[in-house]
Structures are given as structure tokens and as C-alpha cells.
Amino acid sequence: MDQPDFEQMRRKLAELKSEHRDLDDIITQLSENPPFDQLQMQRLKKRKLSLKDQILKLEDALLPDIIA
């Protein structure tokens, strides 16, 4: 993997982590102030889970396999 791809992946990873944290904050705020829209909450949680999956894939791609 060349350097520009590596840097691009690191930037994307940082963006995804930031969005994941933001969603976590939004979900927390919504749940603390009932009543809240269950459908909206479900969509936010689904998006958060999707982001987590993308984050894990990028982290796996960025970290070299270490054979012990």
C-alpha cells in the first residue's frame, strides 16, 4: 500500500470515528429527553452500527498482520 492511500484511509478513519462519537452524543441526548421518536432513534443506532463496522474494516486494513 503506498503512502497516499494510507493517508487517505487514515483521514477516512478519523472522519468515521468523529461521526460515530457525534451519533453517540445525539442518541444519549435523545434518550435523556423523553418522549423521543423511536423510528429516528432506531435509524441513528443503525447508522452508528454501520459506522462501527466501517471503522473496524479500515482499522484492520491499516494494521499489518503480525505473525507470532
N, C-alpha and C. Protein backbone atom coordinates (compact mmCIF):
# COMPACT_ATOMS: atom_id res chain seq x y z
N MET A 1 0.85 -1.17 0.00
CA MET A 1 0.00 0.00 0.00
C MET A 1 0.90 1.24 0.00
N ASP A 2 0.66 2.14 -0.95
CA ASP A 2 1.51 3.32 -1.00
C ASP A 2 1.03 4.39 -0.03
N GLN A 3 1.87 5.38 0.17
CA GLN A 3 1.64 6.39 1.20
C GLN A 3 0.35 7.20 1.01
N PRO A 4 0.01 7.67 -0.22
CA PRO A 4 -1.24 8.44 -0.37
C PRO A 4 -2.48 7.63 0.03
N ASP A 5 -2.54 6.35 -0.33
CA ASP A 5 -3.68 5.52 0.05
C ASP A 5 -3.75 5.37 1.57
N PHE A 6 -2.60 5.18 2.18
CA PHE A 6 -2.53 5.03 3.63
C PHE A 6 -3.05 6.28 4.32
N GLU A 7 -2.61 7.45 3.87
CA GLU A 7 -3.06 8.72 4.47
C GLU A 7 -4.54 8.95 4.24
N GLN A 8 -5.01 8.60 3.05
CA GLN A 8 -6.44 8.76 2.75
C GLN A 8 -7.27 7.86 3.66
N MET A 9 -6.82 6.65 3.88
CA MET A 9 -7.53 5.72 4.77
C MET A 9 -7.53 6.24 6.20
N ARG A 10 -6.41 6.82 6.64
CA ARG A 10 -6.34 7.36 8.00
C ARG A 10 -7.29 8.54 8.17
N ARG A 11 -7.38 9.39 7.15
CA ARG A 11 -8.31 10.53 7.21
C ARG A 11 -9.76 10.04 7.27
N LYS A 12 -10.07 9.05 6.43
CA LYS A 12 -11.42 8.49 6.41
C LYS A 12 -11.75 7.87 7.76
N LEU A 13 -10.80 7.17 8.35
CA LEU A 13 -10.99 6.56 9.67
C LEU A 13 -11.29 7.64 10.72
N ALA A 14 -10.56 8.73 10.68
CA ALA A 14 -10.79 9.82 11.63
C ALA A 14 -12.18 10.42 11.45
N GLU A 15 -12.61 10.58 10.20
CA GLU A 15 -13.95 11.11 9.92
C GLU A 15 -15.03 10.18 10.46
N LEU A 16 -14.86 8.89 10.22
CA LEU A 16 -15.84 7.91 10.68
C LEU A 16 -15.93 7.89 12.20
N LYS A 17 -14.79 7.95 12.86
CA LYS A 17 -14.78 7.95 14.32
C LYS A 17 -15.46 9.19 14.88
N SER A 18 -15.23 10.32 14.23
CA SER A 18 -15.86 11.57 14.66
C SER A 18 -17.37 11.49 14.50
N GLU A 19 -17.82 10.99 13.37
CA GLU A 19 -19.26 10.85 13.14
C GLU A 19 -19.88 9.86 14.14
N HIS A 20 -19.15 8.79 14.45
CA HIS A 20 -19.62 7.80 15.41
C HIS A 20 -19.80 8.43 16.79
N ARG A 21 -18.82 9.24 17.21
CA ARG A 21 -18.92 9.93 18.51
C ARG A 21 -20.09 10.91 18.52
N ASP A 22 -20.25 11.63 17.42
CA ASP A 22 -21.36 12.59 17.32
C ASP A 22 -22.70 11.88 17.44
N LEU A 23 -22.85 10.76 16.75
CA LEU A 23 -24.09 10.00 16.83
C LEU A 23 -24.33 9.49 18.24
N ASP A 24 -23.28 9.06 18.89
CA ASP A 24 -23.41 8.59 20.27
C ASP A 24 -23.93 9.71 21.16
N ASP A 25 -23.41 10.91 20.98
CA ASP A 25 -23.88 12.06 21.77
C ASP A 25 -25.35 12.37 21.48
N ILE A 26 -25.72 12.33 20.21
CA ILE A 26 -27.11 12.61 19.82
C ILE A 26 -28.06 11.58 20.41
N ILE A 27 -27.67 10.31 20.33
CA ILE A 27 -28.51 9.23 20.86
C ILE A 27 -28.68 9.39 22.37
N THR A 28 -27.60 9.73 23.05
CA THR A 28 -27.67 9.94 24.50
C THR A 28 -28.60 11.09 24.85
N GLN A 29 -28.47 12.20 24.12
CA GLN A 29 -29.33 13.36 24.38
C GLN A 29 -30.79 13.03 24.14
N LEU A 30 -31.08 12.33 23.06
CA LEU A 30 -32.46 11.97 22.75
C LEU A 30 -33.05 11.06 23.81
N SER A 31 -32.27 10.09 24.26
CA SER A 31 -32.79 9.13 25.23
C SER A 31 -33.01 9.76 26.61
N GLU A 32 -32.30 10.84 26.90
CA GLU A 32 -32.45 11.51 28.20
C GLU A 32 -33.64 12.46 28.22
N ASN A 33 -34.22 12.73 27.07
CA ASN A 33 -35.32 13.68 26.98
C ASN A 33 -36.57 13.06 26.35
N PRO A 34 -37.22 12.14 27.07
CA PRO A 34 -38.41 11.53 26.50
C PRO A 34 -39.55 12.54 26.42
N PRO A 35 -40.52 12.38 25.61
CA PRO A 35 -40.62 11.29 24.64
C PRO A 35 -39.77 11.59 23.41
N PHE A 36 -39.29 10.53 22.79
CA PHE A 36 -38.48 10.69 21.58
C PHE A 36 -39.02 9.77 20.50
N ASP A 37 -38.68 10.08 19.28
CA ASP A 37 -39.14 9.33 18.12
C ASP A 37 -38.39 8.01 18.03
N GLN A 38 -39.11 6.92 18.24
CA GLN A 38 -38.48 5.59 18.22
C GLN A 38 -37.87 5.28 16.85
N LEU A 39 -38.54 5.68 15.80
CA LEU A 39 -38.03 5.41 14.45
C LEU A 39 -36.73 6.17 14.20
N GLN A 40 -36.69 7.41 14.63
CA GLN A 40 -35.47 8.20 14.49
C GLN A 40 -34.34 7.56 15.30
N MET A 41 -34.64 7.14 16.52
CA MET A 41 -33.64 6.51 17.37
C MET A 41 -33.11 5.23 16.72
N GLN A 42 -34.00 4.44 16.16
CA GLN A 42 -33.60 3.20 15.50
C GLN A 42 -32.69 3.48 14.31
N ARG A 43 -33.01 4.50 13.55
CA ARG A 43 -32.18 4.86 12.38
C ARG A 43 -30.80 5.34 12.82
N LEU A 44 -30.76 6.14 13.87
CA LEU A 44 -29.48 6.62 14.37
C LEU A 44 -28.61 5.47 14.87
N LYS A 45 -29.21 4.55 15.58
CA LYS A 45 -28.46 3.40 16.10
C LYS A 45 -27.97 2.51 14.96
N LYS A 46 -28.79 2.36 13.93
CA LYS A 46 -28.40 1.55 12.77
C LYS A 46 -27.22 2.21 12.05
N ARG A 47 -27.26 3.52 11.90
CA ARG A 47 -26.17 4.26 11.27
C ARG A 47 -24.90 4.15 12.10
N LYS A 48 -25.05 4.23 13.41
CA LYS A 48 -23.90 4.11 14.31
C LYS A 48 -23.26 2.73 14.18
N LEU A 49 -24.08 1.71 14.10
CA LEU A 49 -23.56 0.35 13.95
C LEU A 49 -22.84 0.19 12.61
N SER A 50 -23.41 0.77 11.56
CA SER A 50 -22.78 0.72 10.25
C SER A 50 -21.42 1.41 10.28
N LEU A 51 -21.35 2.55 10.95
CA LEU A 51 -20.07 3.26 11.08
C LEU A 51 -19.05 2.41 11.83
N LYS A 52 -19.49 1.74 12.88
CA LYS A 52 -18.59 0.89 13.65
C LYS A 52 -18.00 -0.22 12.78
N ASP A 53 -18.84 -0.81 11.93
CA ASP A 53 -18.36 -1.85 11.02
C ASP A 53 -17.32 -1.28 10.05
N GLN A 54 -17.59 -0.10 9.51
CA GLN A 54 -16.64 0.53 8.59
C GLN A 54 -15.33 0.87 9.29
N ILE A 55 -15.43 1.33 10.53
CA ILE A 55 -14.24 1.67 11.31
C ILE A 55 -13.38 0.42 11.52
N LEU A 56 -14.02 -0.67 11.90
CA LEU A 56 -13.27 -1.92 12.13
C LEU A 56 -12.59 -2.41 10.86
N LYS A 57 -13.27 -2.31 9.73
CA LYS A 57 -12.66 -2.74 8.45
C LYS A 57 -11.45 -1.89 8.11
N LEU A 58 -11.56 -0.59 8.29
CA LEU A 58 -10.43 0.29 8.00
C LEU A 58 -9.27 0.05 8.95
N GLU A 59 -9.58 -0.14 10.23
CA GLU A 59 -8.51 -0.42 11.20
C GLU A 59 -7.80 -1.72 10.85
N ASP A 60 -8.55 -2.72 10.44
CA ASP A 60 -7.93 -3.99 10.04
C ASP A 60 -7.04 -3.81 8.82
N ALA A 61 -7.48 -2.97 7.88
CA ALA A 61 -6.70 -2.73 6.67
C ALA A 61 -5.43 -1.93 6.97
N LEU A 62 -5.49 -1.05 7.96
CA LEU A 62 -4.34 -0.21 8.28
C LEU A 62 -3.31 -0.92 9.15
N LEU A 63 -3.75 -1.85 9.98
CA LEU A 63 -2.82 -2.54 10.86
C LEU A 63 -2.25 -3.76 10.14
N PRO A 64 -0.92 -3.88 10.12
CA PRO A 64 -0.32 -5.03 9.45
C PRO A 64 -0.58 -6.31 10.25
N ASP A 65 -0.69 -7.41 9.54
CA ASP A 65 -0.82 -8.70 10.21
C ASP A 65 0.50 -9.06 10.86
N ILE A 66 0.41 -9.43 12.12
CA ILE A 66 1.61 -9.82 12.86
C ILE A 66 1.53 -11.31 13.14
N ILE A 67 2.49 -12.03 12.62
CA ILE A 67 2.52 -13.48 12.84
C ILE A 67 3.42 -13.74 14.04
N ALA A 68 2.80 -14.31 15.07
CA ALA A 68 3.56 -14.56 16.30
C ALA A 68 4.03 -15.98 16.35
